[in-house]
Amino acid sequence: MSAAKKPLTFDIDRSPPAPSEPRRTAPARVSQEVKEARQQVGARVTVEVYRQLKVRAAMQGDKVQELVERAITEYLANHPS
């Protein structure tokens, strides 16, 4: 019997910056998003697509949620009904 594979996760360094490093701050757009009402949506994607999305988000310093929302917004802007 094969053991179930553990999901791929990425640890992002959340330790405080060293005194010589500038303090990291969240972009201004996050504060505006928090004020807006949010609606949860669900979608099923392949494991490979999710892994690629998670890697891209980590590389850009974003959350998966931010990339998904940006992709939906761009799609809606470029494909009017």
Protein backbone atom coordinates (compact mmCIF):
# COMPACT_ATOMS: atom_id res chain seq x y z
CA MET A 1 0.00 0.00 0.00
CA SER A 2 1.26 3.44 -0.82
CA ALA A 3 1.08 6.22 1.71
CA ALA A 4 -0.87 9.36 0.83
CA LYS A 5 1.37 12.19 -0.22
CA LYS A 6 1.50 15.19 2.07
CA PRO A 7 0.41 18.43 0.36
CA LEU A 8 3.21 20.68 -0.84
CA THR A 9 3.61 23.70 1.43
CA PHE A 10 5.94 26.65 1.48
CA ASP A 11 7.25 28.36 4.58
CA ILE A 12 7.55 32.08 4.15
CA ASP A 13 10.01 33.81 6.42
CA ARG A 14 7.88 35.67 8.93
CA SER A 15 10.71 36.39 11.31
CA PRO A 16 11.30 40.02 12.27
CA PRO A 17 13.74 41.85 10.00
CA ALA A 18 17.30 42.29 11.14
CA PRO A 19 18.15 45.84 12.28
CA SER A 20 19.94 46.49 8.97
CA GLU A 21 16.92 45.39 6.88
CA PRO A 22 14.09 47.79 6.09
CA ARG A 23 10.79 46.94 7.74
CA ARG A 24 8.41 45.12 5.42
CA THR A 25 4.97 46.67 5.11
CA ALA A 26 1.83 45.51 3.37
CA PRO A 27 0.87 47.28 0.14
CA ALA A 28 -1.78 50.01 0.39
CA ARG A 29 -4.20 47.97 -1.74
CA VAL A 30 -4.64 45.44 1.07
CA SER A 31 -6.16 48.03 3.41
CA GLN A 32 -8.73 48.95 0.74
CA GLU A 33 -9.61 45.30 0.14
CA VAL A 34 -10.28 44.73 3.82
CA LYS A 35 -12.94 47.46 3.80
CA GLU A 36 -14.83 45.84 0.91
CA ALA A 37 -17.39 43.10 1.52
CA ARG A 38 -16.01 39.71 0.53
CA GLN A 39 -17.72 36.65 -0.98
CA GLN A 40 -16.14 33.23 -0.78
CA VAL A 41 -16.04 31.17 -3.97
CA GLY A 42 -14.87 27.64 -4.52
CA ALA A 43 -13.20 25.97 -7.45
CA ARG A 44 -11.47 22.67 -8.01
CA VAL A 45 -8.20 22.72 -9.93
CA THR A 46 -5.64 20.02 -10.51
CA VAL A 47 -2.95 19.53 -7.90
CA GLU A 48 -0.33 20.63 -10.41
CA VAL A 49 -2.14 23.89 -11.23
CA TYR A 50 -2.52 24.65 -7.52
CA ARG A 51 1.16 23.97 -6.87
CA GLN A 52 2.17 26.29 -9.71
CA LEU A 53 -0.18 28.96 -8.38
CA LYS A 54 1.20 28.60 -4.85
CA VAL A 55 4.80 28.79 -6.07
CA ARG A 56 4.05 31.90 -8.16
CA ALA A 57 2.31 33.57 -5.22
CA ALA A 58 5.24 32.82 -2.91
CA MET A 59 7.77 34.11 -5.46
CA GLN A 60 5.83 37.38 -5.85
CA GLY A 61 5.19 37.78 -2.13
CA ASP A 62 1.44 37.53 -2.66
CA LYS A 63 -1.26 35.25 -1.33
CA VAL A 64 -2.96 32.69 -3.57
CA GLN A 65 -6.21 34.57 -2.93
CA GLU A 66 -4.69 37.78 -4.33
CA LEU A 67 -3.52 36.05 -7.52
CA VAL A 68 -6.89 34.39 -8.05
CA GLU A 69 -8.77 37.66 -7.52
CA ARG A 70 -6.39 39.48 -9.89
CA ALA A 71 -6.86 36.77 -12.54
CA ILE A 72 -10.65 36.94 -12.27
CA THR A 73 -10.60 40.75 -12.43
CA GLU A 74 -8.36 40.71 -15.52
CA TYR A 75 -10.54 38.07 -17.18
CA LEU A 76 -13.70 40.09 -16.58
CA ALA A 77 -12.05 43.26 -17.89
CA ASN A 78 -10.82 41.54 -21.06
CA HIS A 79 -13.96 39.48 -21.79
CA PRO A 80 -16.98 41.79 -21.57
CA SER A 81 -20.33 40.10 -21.90
